[in-house]
Amino acid sequence: MKNISLLIICIFIAISIKAQTNATTVETRVTEKSLLWEISGNGLENPSYIFGTIHLIPEDDYFFTDLMKAKLSDCKTLVLEVDINMSLKEQIALAKKIILPKGKTLEDYMSVEQYKKYSDYILDSLKIKKSKYKQMNKIKPIFGSSIVLSELLGKIKSYEQELNKIAKKNNMNIVGLETADYQVDVLDKISIKKQVEMIAGEDMYSKQPLTEYYKIIEVYKKQDLEMLNKLFKAEKSMQEFENELLYDRNRNWIQIIEKLSKENPIFVAVGAAHLPGKKGVLNLLKEKGFSVRAVKGDF
């Protein structure tokens, strides 16, 4: 149960990757390569920072530089998409919301042929453990997909978990831009039928299922938000949900970031896909009158 909230964050980062399909104009193009950005001006006494994460990353590819650590230590509050420090009661309530309704399983939402092909692919081709598969069968498909990803990646790290550890060690406040409950409610706008189509479409049965994910990892390690944006907007399947899943959330976050940053220096860590683009967080902060600049140093 302890990783339910992290699972939610993982899903939203994956969705953000699929949803970021807006064209990037000259005015909103991110030309500097950095995952860390300084926020200043607009009445701030001290700068705050915003960092683009990727939730699940292979352990060998994880990095968080001394410069990034120094900027984090300059801040009083860590701001995540969701505060992952949830009580057991909150985790149990959340777990109930991601389970398929009325005791149903994935088999109830697929044809016989479709379910056999899907189960054979998961168990035989991807070699997912049967215990994990049974768990996936009982929860909404979009959450099950994150279990597959974590299993395939092997040893992984989570930026949210790592930043949370550092923040606790530094006695920082930790807050969320939204609740995990809200995130699940937004995801519930995607019908189970649509979710099944996402996980069981012909394009999902790849002999190398992580090829595209590793491409994203390599671009992420280069801290190239502009290239990430191009990769993200190549995926069209989530366009009908992009306002609810990405743009509305970005706009909601700005007023919270503004309020918190005027109280104390904050370190905001959200999925990297939320940063670039006309409706991205960096540009929205500029529109609110903040100065935003890339923070660079030795990596």
Protein backbone atom coordinates (compact mmCIF):
# COMPACT_ATOMS: atom_id res chain seq x y z
CA MET A 1 0.00 0.00 0.00
CA LYS A 2 2.87 2.37 0.71
CA ASN A 3 3.51 3.12 -2.98
CA ILE A 4 -0.06 3.94 -4.05
CA SER A 5 0.52 7.70 -4.10
CA LEU A 6 3.72 7.27 -6.08
CA LEU A 7 1.80 5.14 -8.56
CA ILE A 8 -0.59 8.03 -9.12
CA ILE A 9 2.26 10.41 -9.82
CA CYS A 10 3.82 7.94 -12.21
CA ILE A 11 0.61 7.72 -14.21
CA PHE A 12 0.25 11.45 -14.48
CA ILE A 13 3.78 11.87 -15.73
CA ALA A 14 3.13 9.19 -18.35
CA ILE A 15 -0.08 10.95 -19.35
CA SER A 16 1.68 14.27 -19.50
CA ILE A 17 4.13 12.74 -21.93
CA LYS A 18 1.25 11.67 -24.17
CA ALA A 19 -0.77 14.82 -23.74
CA GLN A 20 1.77 17.52 -24.51
CA THR A 21 0.76 18.04 -28.13
CA ASN A 22 0.53 21.82 -28.49
CA ALA A 23 2.69 23.45 -31.16
CA THR A 24 5.68 25.32 -29.75
CA THR A 25 6.01 28.90 -31.02
CA VAL A 26 9.14 31.02 -31.17
CA GLU A 27 7.94 32.95 -28.12
CA THR A 28 7.44 29.84 -26.00
CA ARG A 29 10.28 27.64 -27.23
CA VAL A 30 12.68 26.54 -24.50
CA THR A 31 16.08 27.16 -26.07
CA GLU A 32 18.30 26.48 -23.05
CA LYS A 33 18.96 22.96 -21.89
CA SER A 34 18.15 22.67 -18.22
CA LEU A 35 15.72 20.85 -15.96
CA LEU A 36 16.19 23.43 -13.19
CA TRP A 37 14.83 26.96 -13.49
CA GLU A 38 15.05 29.97 -11.18
CA ILE A 39 11.91 31.98 -10.46
CA SER A 40 12.46 35.60 -9.40
CA GLY A 41 10.94 39.07 -9.61
CA ASN A 42 7.26 39.90 -9.19
CA GLY A 43 7.75 40.84 -5.55
CA LEU A 44 9.84 37.83 -4.48
CA GLU A 45 12.46 38.66 -1.85
CA ASN A 46 14.41 35.48 -2.62
CA PRO A 47 14.36 33.26 -5.71
CA SER A 48 12.49 29.98 -5.86
CA TYR A 49 13.16 27.08 -8.22
CA ILE A 50 11.23 24.66 -10.42
CA PHE A 51 12.61 21.29 -11.48
CA GLY A 52 11.29 18.92 -14.15
CA THR A 53 11.13 15.31 -13.03
CA ILE A 54 10.55 11.97 -14.64
CA HIS A 55 8.96 9.69 -12.10
CA LEU A 56 10.36 6.29 -12.96
CA ILE A 57 13.96 6.21 -14.12
CA PRO A 58 16.45 3.33 -14.19
CA GLU A 59 18.74 3.53 -11.17
CA ASP A 60 21.85 3.85 -13.37
CA ASP A 61 20.34 6.83 -15.22
CA TYR A 62 19.24 8.78 -12.14
CA PHE A 63 21.10 12.02 -11.47
CA PHE A 64 20.67 14.99 -9.15
CA THR A 65 23.70 17.24 -9.28
CA ASP A 66 25.45 19.14 -6.48
CA LEU A 67 24.12 22.35 -8.01
CA MET A 68 20.57 21.03 -7.89
CA LYS A 69 21.09 19.91 -4.28
CA ALA A 70 22.44 23.34 -3.36
CA LYS A 71 19.40 25.13 -4.81
CA LEU A 72 17.09 22.70 -3.01
CA SER A 73 18.86 23.40 0.29
CA ASP A 74 18.36 27.16 -0.29
CA CYS A 75 14.60 26.64 -0.10
CA LYS A 76 12.23 26.25 2.84
CA THR A 77 9.51 24.18 1.17
CA LEU A 78 9.46 21.27 -1.27
CA VAL A 79 6.41 21.43 -3.54
CA LEU A 80 5.43 18.21 -5.34
CA GLU A 81 2.46 17.47 -7.58
CA VAL A 82 1.14 15.46 -4.62
CA ASP A 83 2.44 15.24 -1.07
CA ILE A 84 3.50 11.59 -1.04
CA ASN A 85 3.57 11.43 2.77
CA MET A 86 0.13 9.89 3.07
CA SER A 87 -1.43 8.26 6.08
CA LEU A 88 -2.42 4.59 5.93
CA LYS A 89 -6.07 5.64 5.98
CA GLU A 90 -5.54 7.91 2.96
CA GLN A 91 -3.69 5.17 1.08
CA ILE A 92 -6.45 2.63 1.69
CA ALA A 93 -9.12 5.08 0.53
CA LEU A 94 -7.09 5.82 -2.60
CA ALA A 95 -6.48 2.15 -3.32
CA LYS A 96 -10.23 1.54 -3.34
CA LYS A 97 -10.67 4.20 -6.03
CA ILE A 98 -8.27 2.58 -8.49
CA ILE A 99 -9.90 -0.86 -8.30
CA LEU A 100 -12.25 -1.85 -11.11
CA PRO A 101 -15.91 -1.46 -10.07
CA LYS A 102 -18.23 -4.21 -8.81
CA GLY A 103 -15.49 -6.80 -8.46
CA LYS A 104 -14.84 -6.88 -12.19
CA THR A 105 -11.50 -7.71 -13.84
CA LEU A 106 -9.94 -6.77 -17.16
CA GLU A 107 -11.43 -9.93 -18.64
CA ASP A 108 -14.89 -8.37 -18.26
CA TYR A 109 -13.92 -5.48 -20.54
CA MET A 110 -12.23 -7.46 -23.33
CA SER A 111 -13.32 -9.99 -25.89
CA VAL A 112 -12.05 -13.56 -25.40
CA GLU A 113 -9.50 -13.12 -28.21
CA GLN A 114 -8.42 -9.71 -27.00
CA TYR A 115 -7.93 -10.87 -23.41
CA LYS A 116 -5.94 -13.96 -24.45
CA LYS A 117 -3.64 -11.89 -26.64
CA TYR A 118 -3.15 -9.36 -23.87
CA SER A 119 -2.50 -11.95 -21.14
CA ASP A 120 -0.11 -13.93 -23.37
CA TYR A 121 1.80 -10.75 -24.14
CA ILE A 122 2.07 -9.71 -20.49
CA LEU A 123 2.95 -13.14 -19.12
CA ASP A 124 4.90 -14.76 -21.96
CA SER A 125 6.47 -11.91 -23.93
CA LEU A 126 7.10 -9.39 -21.14
CA LYS A 127 7.60 -12.07 -18.47
CA ILE A 128 5.58 -10.17 -15.89
CA LYS A 129 5.14 -12.17 -12.68
CA LYS A 130 1.77 -13.86 -12.25
CA SER A 131 1.30 -12.17 -8.88
CA LYS A 132 1.70 -8.77 -10.53
CA TYR A 133 -0.59 -9.78 -13.36
CA LYS A 134 -3.32 -10.78 -10.91
CA GLN A 135 -2.98 -7.37 -9.28
CA MET A 136 -3.15 -5.63 -12.66
CA ASN A 137 -6.28 -7.59 -13.55
CA LYS A 138 -8.23 -6.04 -10.69
CA ILE A 139 -7.31 -2.39 -11.12
CA LYS A 140 -8.14 0.19 -13.74
CA PRO A 141 -5.99 -0.38 -16.86
CA ILE A 142 -4.18 2.94 -16.76
CA PHE A 143 -2.78 2.09 -13.33
CA GLY A 144 -1.86 -1.41 -14.37
CA SER A 145 0.31 -0.01 -17.14
CA SER A 146 2.57 1.65 -14.57
CA ILE A 147 3.11 -1.72 -12.88
CA VAL A 148 4.26 -3.13 -16.22
CA LEU A 149 6.65 -0.22 -16.71
CA SER A 150 8.20 -0.55 -13.25
CA GLU A 151 8.60 -4.31 -13.71
CA LEU A 152 10.29 -3.94 -17.08
CA LEU A 153 12.68 -1.23 -15.92
CA GLY A 154 14.10 -3.34 -13.10
CA LYS A 155 16.00 -1.31 -10.50
CA ILE A 156 14.46 2.14 -10.53
CA LYS A 157 14.47 5.41 -8.66
CA SER A 158 11.77 8.01 -8.19
CA TYR A 159 12.64 11.70 -8.12
CA GLU A 160 9.66 12.33 -5.86
CA GLN A 161 10.90 9.79 -3.34
CA GLU A 162 14.48 11.03 -3.46
CA LEU A 163 13.52 14.70 -3.13
CA ASN A 164 11.16 13.81 -0.31
CA LYS A 165 14.04 12.13 1.57
CA ILE A 166 16.31 15.16 1.14
CA ALA A 167 13.55 17.55 2.19
CA LYS A 168 12.89 15.58 5.37
CA LYS A 169 16.60 15.50 6.16
CA ASN A 170 16.73 19.29 5.69
CA ASN A 171 13.61 19.78 7.85
CA MET A 172 11.76 21.37 4.95
CA ASN A 173 8.01 21.71 4.68
CA ILE A 174 6.50 19.38 2.05
CA VAL A 175 3.28 20.30 0.27
CA GLY A 176 1.33 19.15 -2.77
CA LEU A 177 -0.05 21.24 -5.61
CA GLU A 178 -3.09 18.96 -5.66
CA THR A 179 -4.40 15.87 -3.89
CA ALA A 180 -4.00 12.30 -5.10
CA ASP A 181 -7.78 12.00 -4.75
CA TYR A 182 -8.21 14.83 -7.25
CA GLN A 183 -5.80 13.15 -9.66
CA VAL A 184 -7.75 9.90 -9.58
CA ASP A 185 -11.00 11.80 -10.17
CA VAL A 186 -9.48 13.42 -13.25
CA LEU A 187 -8.29 10.05 -14.53
CA ASP A 188 -11.77 8.65 -14.04
CA LYS A 189 -12.89 10.95 -16.86
CA ILE A 190 -11.16 8.48 -19.16
CA SER A 191 -13.61 5.62 -19.59
CA ILE A 192 -12.55 2.06 -18.81
CA LYS A 193 -13.22 1.23 -22.45
CA LYS A 194 -10.80 3.93 -23.57
CA GLN A 195 -8.21 2.76 -21.05
CA VAL A 196 -8.51 -0.79 -22.37
CA GLU A 197 -7.92 0.51 -25.90
CA MET A 198 -4.78 2.25 -24.67
CA ILE A 199 -3.25 -0.89 -23.16
CA ALA A 200 -4.50 -3.48 -25.64
CA GLY A 201 -4.14 -1.76 -29.01
CA GLU A 202 -2.04 -3.37 -31.73
CA ASP A 203 0.72 -0.78 -31.31
CA MET A 204 1.23 -1.93 -27.72
CA TYR A 205 2.43 -5.43 -28.67
CA SER A 206 6.03 -4.57 -29.32
CA LYS A 207 9.00 -6.87 -29.07
CA GLN A 208 10.92 -3.93 -27.59
CA PRO A 209 8.32 -2.17 -25.42
CA LEU A 210 10.82 0.18 -23.75
CA THR A 211 12.39 1.58 -26.92
CA GLU A 212 10.41 4.83 -26.84
CA TYR A 213 10.73 5.16 -23.09
CA TYR A 214 14.52 4.91 -23.28
CA LYS A 215 14.53 7.59 -25.98
CA ILE A 216 12.75 9.86 -23.52
CA ILE A 217 15.23 8.94 -20.78
CA GLU A 218 18.20 9.89 -22.99
CA VAL A 219 16.66 13.24 -23.92
CA TYR A 220 15.78 13.83 -20.27
CA LYS A 221 19.41 13.21 -19.24
CA LYS A 222 20.46 15.84 -21.77
CA GLN A 223 18.00 18.21 -20.01
CA ASP A 224 16.53 19.15 -23.39
CA LEU A 225 12.97 20.31 -22.71
CA GLU A 226 12.46 21.42 -26.30
CA MET A 227 13.26 17.95 -27.65
CA LEU A 228 11.12 16.38 -24.94
CA ASN A 229 8.28 18.59 -26.11
CA LYS A 230 8.72 17.36 -29.68
CA LEU A 231 8.68 13.73 -28.54
CA PHE A 232 5.60 14.33 -26.43
CA LYS A 233 3.56 16.02 -29.12
CA ALA A 234 4.21 13.13 -31.52
CA GLU A 235 1.69 11.08 -29.52
CA LYS A 236 -1.89 11.98 -30.49
CA SER A 237 -3.94 9.46 -28.51
CA MET A 238 -4.60 11.67 -25.49
CA GLN A 239 -5.55 14.92 -27.23
CA GLU A 240 -9.20 14.77 -26.19
CA PHE A 241 -8.11 14.73 -22.53
CA GLU A 242 -5.21 17.17 -22.67
CA ASN A 243 -7.05 20.09 -21.06
CA GLU A 244 -8.12 18.10 -17.99
CA LEU A 245 -4.90 16.14 -17.66
CA LEU A 246 -2.36 18.83 -18.43
CA TYR A 247 -3.38 22.41 -19.19
CA ASP A 248 -6.04 22.88 -16.50
CA ARG A 249 -3.65 21.50 -13.93
CA ASN A 250 -0.84 23.79 -15.09
CA ARG A 251 -3.09 26.82 -14.68
CA ASN A 252 -4.26 25.68 -11.26
CA TRP A 253 -0.69 25.28 -10.10
CA ILE A 254 0.41 28.81 -10.99
CA GLN A 255 -1.65 30.56 -8.33
CA ILE A 256 -0.40 28.10 -5.69
CA ILE A 257 3.22 28.53 -6.76
CA GLU A 258 2.81 32.31 -6.68
CA LYS A 259 1.32 32.26 -3.16
CA LEU A 260 3.88 29.86 -1.69
CA SER A 261 6.91 31.54 -3.31
CA LYS A 262 5.93 34.90 -1.79
CA GLU A 263 5.90 33.33 1.68
CA ASN A 264 9.25 31.49 1.50
CA PRO A 265 11.69 30.22 -1.15
CA ILE A 266 10.25 27.01 -2.60
CA PHE A 267 11.57 24.15 -4.72
CA VAL A 268 8.85 22.93 -7.07
CA ALA A 269 9.26 19.48 -8.64
CA VAL A 270 6.74 18.45 -11.31
CA GLY A 271 6.81 16.24 -14.40
CA ALA A 272 9.15 17.69 -17.03
CA ALA A 273 6.36 17.60 -19.62
CA HIS A 274 4.56 20.33 -17.67
CA LEU A 275 7.35 22.88 -18.18
CA PRO A 276 7.67 23.69 -21.93
CA GLY A 277 5.16 25.07 -24.41
CA LYS A 278 2.80 28.02 -24.59
CA LYS A 279 0.57 26.51 -21.90
CA GLY A 280 3.53 25.13 -19.95
CA VAL A 281 4.36 26.21 -16.43
CA LEU A 282 7.48 28.20 -17.39
CA ASN A 283 5.58 30.38 -19.85
CA LEU A 284 2.59 30.76 -17.50
CA LEU A 285 4.93 32.03 -14.78
CA LYS A 286 6.36 34.59 -17.21
CA GLU A 287 2.84 35.72 -18.06
CA LYS A 288 2.26 36.32 -14.35
CA GLY A 289 5.24 38.69 -14.28
CA PHE A 290 7.95 36.40 -12.93
CA SER A 291 11.45 36.21 -14.37
CA VAL A 292 12.37 32.63 -15.26
CA ARG A 293 15.89 31.61 -16.19
CA ALA A 294 17.72 28.32 -16.66
CA VAL A 295 20.09 27.29 -13.88
CA LYS A 296 23.18 25.69 -15.32
CA GLY A 297 26.42 24.29 -13.98
CA ASP A 298 28.67 21.27 -14.10
CA PHE A 299 26.71 18.05 -14.41
